[in-house]
Amino acid sequence: MKYNTTITRELEKILVTRPYLPPLQEYGLYLKEIWRTGWLTNNGILVQKLERALGKFLGVKHVVLVANGTLALQLALQGLGIKKQVITTPFSFVATTNAILWQGCKPVFADINESDFCLNPQAVKRHITPSTQAILPVHVYGYPCDVAAISKIAKKHKLKVIYDGAHAFGATLNGRSLLSFGDVSIVSLHATKLFHTAEGGALVTNNSKLAKILASLRDFGYEGQKPVRPGINAKMSEFHAALGLCNLKAVNALINQRRKIVAFYDQALRTLPLVRPKFKRSLQYNNAYYPIVFPDSQTMQRAKAVLEKQYIFGRRYFYPSLNTLSYCKAKRCPVSESVASRVLCLPLYHSLEPHQVRRIALAVISSFQ
């Protein structure tokens, strides 16, 4: 199809993402079950069923479902007894930093790699102090951190590792889920994610003792009929779990569809001076995002304006670099600050049509002319 901005059909609004929704009839069957039992929340049948299904899908021992990914981060810190310094990345969504602060801990920002935008292990080493208790890296865009290097550092200094795998559902490294690394990993199940429950999150661990503590913390600190620790209300409802049970069936098909769209983008934008994250050959990528890094901030801003003029709305994932937040008072992280000023994520979702992808690509190309 020839690119023509005068064609009204070509100017429908394209957002950065659009959630997958299962057939309404399929979801309705779960609703009937909820109505039949009258069990709406409090570790219901469907929550338990989804936890088991996710454990099998991810190849892990324990999945603890919660109301959202931010709460999952907070429970991970609480469950591991982290109270002091946490070395983390400045290149992430603000929830990563906010969870650390809400737990009364101090985020210490180490810079990122230029190649994959994930936490730089060498930078982590330089920031370890006697007050450091944990490392909280992020599998940015679903690309893997250097899990071997981070594990080695953690063992040497007796630190806990909490992976923020908000974007990592469905991604595997050497045949192993990215969510299976570290002492515990968290994943966001928000509507914007590849696999979602509308609102939701989960903690993933192979540590049975920790899993029991996390399940207690999400339910006011109860174990059985008695509260044994100070917990909060972080439970997932049956309605959200029902949506997850429906959506889990479609995950592999959604990843395959996204892969086709990514290949189209790659081909269409191949001649432009754009940088894309590099990943290991052993990664089976989930195609969670399509980030492009421009030569400079001005070019990125121009492309963003051109796209928005065509009713195409990408997002600056992730901006600003979190070390620059006024309430963090952190040192410079030059690589993160540079990438954050130049990155833009293009629309990517399962139902994006070829003519829409072509329209997006041509708009980006035109911004360089």
Protein backbone atom coordinates (compact mmCIF):
# COMPACT_ATOMS: atom_id res chain seq x y z
CA MET A 1 0.00 0.00 0.00
CA LYS A 2 1.36 3.42 -0.93
CA TYR A 3 1.92 5.76 2.01
CA ASN A 4 -0.66 8.52 1.70
CA THR A 5 -1.63 10.70 4.65
CA THR A 6 -4.77 11.86 2.84
CA ILE A 7 -6.37 8.47 3.22
CA THR A 8 -8.55 8.72 6.32
CA ARG A 9 -8.33 5.00 7.09
CA GLU A 10 -4.56 5.32 7.34
CA LEU A 11 -4.86 7.91 10.11
CA GLU A 12 -6.46 5.83 12.83
CA LYS A 13 -4.78 6.35 16.17
CA ILE A 14 -2.02 3.84 16.92
CA LEU A 15 -0.99 3.56 20.57
CA VAL A 16 2.26 2.09 21.84
CA THR A 17 0.46 -1.07 22.95
CA ARG A 18 -2.94 -2.72 22.98
CA PRO A 19 -3.85 -5.55 25.36
CA TYR A 20 -4.82 -8.96 24.12
CA LEU A 21 -8.31 -9.97 25.23
CA PRO A 22 -9.54 -13.58 25.04
CA PRO A 23 -12.90 -14.57 23.58
CA LEU A 24 -15.57 -13.16 25.89
CA GLN A 25 -17.37 -16.49 25.96
CA GLU A 26 -14.26 -18.21 27.30
CA TYR A 27 -13.86 -15.64 30.08
CA GLY A 28 -17.56 -15.97 30.80
CA LEU A 29 -17.14 -19.64 31.70
CA TYR A 30 -14.81 -18.65 34.51
CA LEU A 31 -17.24 -15.95 35.63
CA LYS A 32 -19.96 -18.59 35.93
CA GLU A 33 -17.65 -20.61 38.15
CA ILE A 34 -16.99 -17.54 40.33
CA TRP A 35 -20.74 -16.93 40.64
CA ARG A 36 -21.29 -20.58 41.49
CA THR A 37 -18.73 -20.67 44.31
CA GLY A 38 -19.11 -17.11 45.54
CA TRP A 39 -15.33 -17.08 46.12
CA LEU A 40 -14.15 -13.69 44.84
CA THR A 41 -10.74 -13.24 46.50
CA ASN A 42 -8.57 -14.44 49.43
CA ASN A 43 -6.42 -17.03 47.63
CA GLY A 44 -9.31 -18.39 45.60
CA ILE A 45 -9.51 -21.51 43.46
CA LEU A 46 -8.62 -19.68 40.24
CA VAL A 47 -5.64 -17.90 41.81
CA GLN A 48 -4.30 -21.24 42.98
CA LYS A 49 -4.96 -22.77 39.56
CA LEU A 50 -3.15 -19.92 37.79
CA GLU A 51 -0.16 -20.18 40.15
CA ARG A 52 0.19 -23.86 39.32
CA ALA A 53 -0.20 -23.23 35.59
CA LEU A 54 2.40 -20.44 35.64
CA GLY A 55 4.83 -22.59 37.63
CA LYS A 56 4.55 -25.28 34.96
CA PHE A 57 4.85 -22.79 32.09
CA LEU A 58 7.91 -21.13 33.61
CA GLY A 59 9.52 -24.32 34.91
CA VAL A 60 9.79 -23.05 38.49
CA LYS A 61 8.74 -24.37 41.88
CA HIS A 62 6.76 -21.43 43.23
CA VAL A 63 4.69 -18.58 41.83
CA VAL A 64 3.02 -16.19 44.28
CA LEU A 65 0.39 -14.01 42.61
CA VAL A 66 -0.20 -10.46 43.87
CA ALA A 67 -2.23 -7.40 42.94
CA ASN A 68 0.51 -5.68 40.90
CA GLY A 69 4.19 -5.72 40.05
CA THR A 70 5.14 -2.86 42.36
CA LEU A 71 3.76 -4.75 45.33
CA ALA A 72 5.72 -7.78 44.16
CA LEU A 73 8.94 -5.75 44.38
CA GLN A 74 8.05 -4.51 47.85
CA LEU A 75 7.21 -8.00 49.09
CA ALA A 76 10.48 -9.35 47.65
CA LEU A 77 12.48 -6.77 49.59
CA GLN A 78 10.44 -7.35 52.74
CA GLY A 79 10.56 -11.12 52.45
CA LEU A 80 14.35 -11.11 52.15
CA GLY A 81 14.76 -8.69 55.05
CA ILE A 82 16.38 -5.93 52.98
CA LYS A 83 16.54 -2.67 54.94
CA LYS A 84 19.68 -0.82 53.81
CA GLN A 85 21.32 -0.20 50.44
CA VAL A 86 20.13 -1.81 47.21
CA ILE A 87 22.23 -1.50 44.06
CA THR A 88 19.92 -1.07 41.11
CA THR A 89 19.64 0.32 37.61
CA PRO A 90 18.69 3.89 36.69
CA PHE A 91 17.24 2.67 33.38
CA SER A 92 13.82 1.31 34.25
CA PHE A 93 10.26 2.33 34.99
CA VAL A 94 10.01 4.45 38.13
CA ALA A 95 8.29 1.63 40.07
CA THR A 96 11.66 -0.11 40.48
CA THR A 97 13.11 2.81 42.43
CA ASN A 98 9.88 3.69 44.21
CA ALA A 99 9.52 0.19 45.65
CA ILE A 100 13.01 0.42 47.15
CA LEU A 101 12.24 3.80 48.69
CA TRP A 102 8.83 2.72 50.01
CA GLN A 103 10.55 -0.11 51.87
CA GLY A 104 12.78 2.42 53.60
CA CYS A 105 15.86 1.27 51.68
CA LYS A 106 18.35 3.39 49.77
CA PRO A 107 18.66 2.88 46.00
CA VAL A 108 22.26 3.05 44.81
CA PHE A 109 22.41 3.48 41.04
CA ALA A 110 25.04 1.67 38.99
CA ASP A 111 25.26 2.50 35.29
CA ILE A 112 24.11 0.26 32.44
CA ASN A 113 25.74 -1.49 29.48
CA GLU A 114 25.72 0.34 26.16
CA SER A 115 24.98 -2.93 24.35
CA ASP A 116 21.82 -4.21 26.08
CA PHE A 117 20.83 -1.36 28.46
CA CYS A 118 20.94 -3.74 31.45
CA LEU A 119 22.85 -3.22 34.70
CA ASN A 120 26.63 -3.25 34.21
CA PRO A 121 28.22 -5.84 36.58
CA GLN A 122 31.50 -3.90 36.68
CA ALA A 123 29.62 -0.80 37.80
CA VAL A 124 27.87 -2.88 40.46
CA LYS A 125 31.23 -3.90 41.93
CA ARG A 126 32.28 -0.25 42.30
CA HIS A 127 29.17 0.59 44.34
CA ILE A 128 29.28 -2.18 46.95
CA THR A 129 29.70 -0.92 50.53
CA PRO A 130 29.30 -2.53 53.97
CA SER A 131 25.66 -1.33 53.88
CA THR A 132 24.83 -3.09 50.61
CA GLN A 133 22.34 -5.91 51.13
CA ALA A 134 20.95 -6.65 47.68
CA ILE A 135 21.27 -6.18 43.94
CA LEU A 136 18.07 -5.38 42.04
CA PRO A 137 18.74 -5.57 38.28
CA VAL A 138 16.11 -5.27 35.54
CA HIS A 139 15.79 -7.47 32.46
CA VAL A 140 15.15 -4.34 30.39
CA TYR A 141 12.63 -4.86 27.56
CA GLY A 142 12.90 -8.60 28.27
CA TYR A 143 16.63 -8.70 27.41
CA PRO A 144 18.66 -10.67 29.99
CA CYS A 145 21.06 -9.19 32.48
CA ASP A 146 24.46 -10.85 32.80
CA VAL A 147 23.01 -13.32 35.30
CA ALA A 148 26.26 -15.29 35.66
CA ALA A 149 28.34 -12.23 36.53
CA ILE A 150 25.71 -10.86 38.91
CA SER A 151 25.40 -14.22 40.65
CA LYS A 152 29.18 -14.37 41.11
CA ILE A 153 29.28 -10.87 42.62
CA ALA A 154 26.36 -11.65 44.93
CA LYS A 155 27.94 -14.84 46.23
CA LYS A 156 31.29 -13.17 46.85
CA HIS A 157 29.73 -10.34 48.87
CA LYS A 158 26.84 -12.35 50.36
CA LEU A 159 24.15 -10.24 48.71
CA LYS A 160 20.60 -11.13 47.75
CA VAL A 161 19.54 -10.84 44.11
CA ILE A 162 16.04 -9.68 43.21
CA TYR A 163 15.37 -9.54 39.47
CA ASP A 164 12.82 -7.09 38.18
CA GLY A 165 11.51 -9.15 35.30
CA ALA A 166 8.50 -6.94 34.62
CA HIS A 167 9.09 -7.35 30.88
CA ALA A 168 10.52 -10.86 30.91
CA PHE A 169 7.53 -13.19 30.77
CA GLY A 170 8.01 -15.75 28.00
CA ALA A 171 11.72 -14.99 27.49
CA THR A 172 14.20 -17.82 28.06
CA LEU A 173 18.00 -17.98 28.33
CA ASN A 174 19.59 -21.32 27.45
CA GLY A 175 16.11 -22.83 27.64
CA ARG A 176 15.51 -21.45 31.13
CA SER A 177 12.95 -18.76 31.98
CA LEU A 178 14.52 -15.40 32.78
CA LEU A 179 12.21 -15.34 35.80
CA SER A 180 13.96 -18.36 37.33
CA PHE A 181 17.20 -16.54 38.19
CA GLY A 182 18.19 -14.88 41.45
CA ASP A 183 16.79 -15.41 44.93
CA VAL A 184 13.46 -14.20 43.60
CA SER A 185 12.17 -12.55 40.44
CA ILE A 186 9.11 -10.41 39.97
CA VAL A 187 6.96 -9.96 36.91
CA SER A 188 4.30 -7.42 36.07
CA LEU A 189 0.99 -8.73 34.78
CA HIS A 190 -0.36 -5.29 33.91
CA ALA A 191 -2.56 -4.84 30.84
CA THR A 192 0.35 -3.38 28.88
CA LYS A 193 2.37 -6.59 29.17
CA LEU A 194 2.66 -9.53 26.78
CA PHE A 195 0.87 -11.77 29.31
CA HIS A 196 -1.50 -9.95 31.61
CA THR A 197 -4.30 -10.25 34.15
CA ALA A 198 -5.46 -6.62 33.58
CA GLU A 199 -3.83 -5.67 36.88
CA GLY A 200 -1.49 -8.03 38.63
CA GLY A 201 1.99 -9.23 39.38
CA ALA A 202 3.83 -12.29 40.61
CA LEU A 203 6.87 -13.38 42.56
CA VAL A 204 8.81 -16.33 41.19
CA THR A 205 11.23 -18.39 43.28
CA ASN A 206 12.61 -21.89 43.73
CA ASN A 207 13.07 -21.27 47.47
CA SER A 208 10.20 -22.98 49.31
CA LYS A 209 10.84 -21.18 52.60
CA LEU A 210 10.84 -17.78 50.91
CA ALA A 211 7.69 -18.62 48.92
CA LYS A 212 5.87 -19.39 52.19
CA ILE A 213 6.94 -16.04 53.65
CA LEU A 214 5.87 -14.15 50.51
CA ALA A 215 2.45 -15.81 50.51
CA SER A 216 2.05 -14.78 54.14
CA LEU A 217 3.15 -11.19 53.52
CA ARG A 218 0.55 -10.69 50.76
CA ASP A 219 -2.23 -11.74 53.19
CA PHE A 220 -1.69 -9.48 56.22
CA GLY A 221 1.05 -11.76 57.54
CA TYR A 222 -1.25 -14.72 58.15
CA GLU A 223 -0.10 -18.32 58.23
CA GLY A 224 -3.15 -20.49 58.72
CA GLN A 225 -5.52 -18.77 61.13
CA LYS A 226 -2.95 -16.55 62.83
CA PRO A 227 -0.87 -13.50 61.76
CA VAL A 228 2.80 -14.28 62.42
CA ARG A 229 4.46 -11.24 60.77
CA PRO A 230 3.45 -7.72 59.68
CA GLY A 231 1.99 -8.13 56.19
CA ILE A 232 -0.20 -6.15 53.83
CA ASN A 233 -3.13 -6.82 51.53
CA ALA A 234 -1.56 -7.65 48.16
CA LYS A 235 -3.92 -10.42 47.05
CA MET A 236 -5.07 -11.01 43.48
CA SER A 237 -8.80 -11.43 42.88
CA GLU A 238 -10.46 -14.36 41.13
CA PHE A 239 -11.57 -12.07 38.29
CA HIS A 240 -7.98 -11.18 37.46
CA ALA A 241 -6.83 -14.78 37.78
CA ALA A 242 -9.60 -15.86 35.41
CA LEU A 243 -8.33 -13.46 32.76
CA GLY A 244 -4.83 -14.81 33.27
CA LEU A 245 -5.98 -18.41 32.79
CA CYS A 246 -7.56 -17.42 29.48
CA ASN A 247 -4.58 -15.38 28.29
CA LEU A 248 -1.94 -17.96 29.18
CA LYS A 249 -3.21 -20.20 26.40
CA ALA A 250 -2.41 -17.51 23.82
CA VAL A 251 1.12 -16.52 24.96
CA ASN A 252 3.13 -18.52 22.42
CA ALA A 253 0.94 -17.38 19.54
CA LEU A 254 1.25 -13.76 20.68
CA ILE A 255 5.04 -14.03 20.82
CA ASN A 256 5.13 -15.46 17.30
CA GLN A 257 2.92 -12.69 15.97
CA ARG A 258 5.08 -10.03 17.61
CA ARG A 259 8.18 -11.66 16.12
CA LYS A 260 6.77 -11.12 12.62
CA ILE A 261 6.11 -7.44 13.37
CA VAL A 262 9.64 -7.00 14.76
CA ALA A 263 11.09 -8.55 11.59
CA PHE A 264 9.08 -6.08 9.50
CA TYR A 265 10.40 -3.15 11.56
CA ASP A 266 13.97 -4.45 11.31
CA GLN A 267 13.77 -4.68 7.55
CA ALA A 268 12.05 -1.32 7.06
CA LEU A 269 14.41 0.63 9.34
CA ARG A 270 17.65 -1.17 8.49
CA THR A 271 19.27 1.78 6.68
CA LEU A 272 18.72 4.32 9.46
CA PRO A 273 21.42 5.22 12.03
CA LEU A 274 19.46 3.67 14.89
CA VAL A 275 20.78 1.52 17.73
CA ARG A 276 18.91 -1.54 18.96
CA PRO A 277 19.73 -3.61 22.05
CA LYS A 278 22.02 -6.56 21.36
CA PHE A 279 21.19 -9.91 22.89
CA LYS A 280 22.81 -13.29 23.33
CA ARG A 281 22.20 -16.04 20.78
CA SER A 282 21.05 -18.24 23.66
CA LEU A 283 18.10 -15.89 24.29
CA GLN A 284 14.66 -16.89 23.07
CA TYR A 285 13.24 -13.38 23.03
CA ASN A 286 9.63 -12.60 23.91
CA ASN A 287 9.42 -9.51 21.64
CA ALA A 288 8.03 -7.46 24.50
CA TYR A 289 9.09 -4.05 23.12
CA TYR A 290 10.61 -2.41 20.06
CA PRO A 291 13.02 0.26 21.34
CA ILE A 292 15.09 2.36 18.95
CA VAL A 293 17.85 4.71 20.06
CA PHE A 294 18.45 7.78 17.90
CA PRO A 295 21.83 9.48 17.30
CA ASP A 296 20.82 12.38 19.56
CA SER A 297 17.91 13.72 21.58
CA GLN A 298 16.95 16.29 18.94
CA THR A 299 16.48 13.62 16.27
CA MET A 300 14.41 11.52 18.66
CA GLN A 301 12.20 14.49 19.51
CA ARG A 302 11.73 15.27 15.82
CA ALA A 303 10.75 11.67 15.05
CA LYS A 304 8.35 11.62 17.99
CA ALA A 305 6.70 14.81 16.74
CA VAL A 306 6.40 13.41 13.20
CA LEU A 307 4.82 10.23 14.54
CA GLU A 308 2.35 12.10 16.71
CA LYS A 309 1.34 14.27 13.78
CA GLN A 310 0.37 11.00 12.10
CA TYR A 311 -1.55 9.92 15.25
CA ILE A 312 1.13 7.38 16.15
CA PHE A 313 2.06 7.36 19.82
CA GLY A 314 5.30 5.71 20.86
CA ARG A 315 6.62 6.06 24.40
CA ARG A 316 9.90 7.21 25.87
CA TYR A 317 10.60 3.97 27.73
CA PHE A 318 12.53 4.81 29.86
CA TYR A 319 12.80 8.51 30.57
CA PRO A 320 14.13 10.14 32.61
CA SER A 321 17.12 8.19 33.90
CA LEU A 322 16.03 7.45 37.47
CA ASN A 323 19.24 8.71 39.05
CA THR A 324 18.20 12.21 37.94
CA LEU A 325 14.93 12.21 39.92
CA SER A 326 14.80 15.08 42.38
CA TYR A 327 14.01 12.81 45.32
CA CYS A 328 16.89 10.41 44.71
CA LYS A 329 19.97 12.69 44.99
CA ALA A 330 22.17 10.22 43.12
CA LYS A 331 25.45 10.41 41.22
CA ARG A 332 25.74 10.64 37.45
CA CYS A 333 25.14 7.57 35.29
CA PRO A 334 26.33 8.80 31.87
CA VAL A 335 25.32 5.78 29.77
CA SER A 336 21.82 5.58 31.23
CA GLU A 337 21.29 9.32 30.93
CA SER A 338 22.41 9.27 27.31
CA VAL A 339 20.22 6.32 26.30
CA ALA A 340 17.21 7.68 28.21
CA SER A 341 17.45 10.97 26.30
CA ARG A 342 17.49 9.23 22.89
CA VAL A 343 15.27 6.15 23.16
CA LEU A 344 11.75 5.71 21.83
CA CYS A 345 9.64 2.54 21.86
CA LEU A 346 7.55 2.10 18.73
CA PRO A 347 4.07 0.54 18.87
CA LEU A 348 4.18 -3.22 19.18
CA TYR A 349 1.24 -5.52 19.85
CA HIS A 350 -0.32 -8.67 18.46
CA SER A 351 -3.03 -7.04 16.33
CA LEU A 352 -0.85 -4.42 14.65
CA GLU A 353 -1.57 -4.71 10.93
CA PRO A 354 1.11 -4.72 8.19
CA HIS A 355 -0.17 -1.44 6.74
CA GLN A 356 0.09 0.14 10.20
CA VAL A 357 3.66 -1.08 10.71
CA ARG A 358 4.53 0.28 7.25
CA ARG A 359 2.97 3.62 8.15
CA ILE A 360 4.95 3.81 11.41
CA ALA A 361 8.23 2.89 9.71
CA LEU A 362 7.74 5.42 6.92
CA ALA A 363 7.00 8.14 9.47
CA VAL A 364 10.29 7.36 11.29
CA ILE A 365 12.17 7.34 7.99
CA SER A 366 10.67 10.69 6.98
CA SER A 367 11.95 12.30 10.19
CA PHE A 368 15.52 11.77 8.95
CA GLN A 369 14.87 13.48 5.61
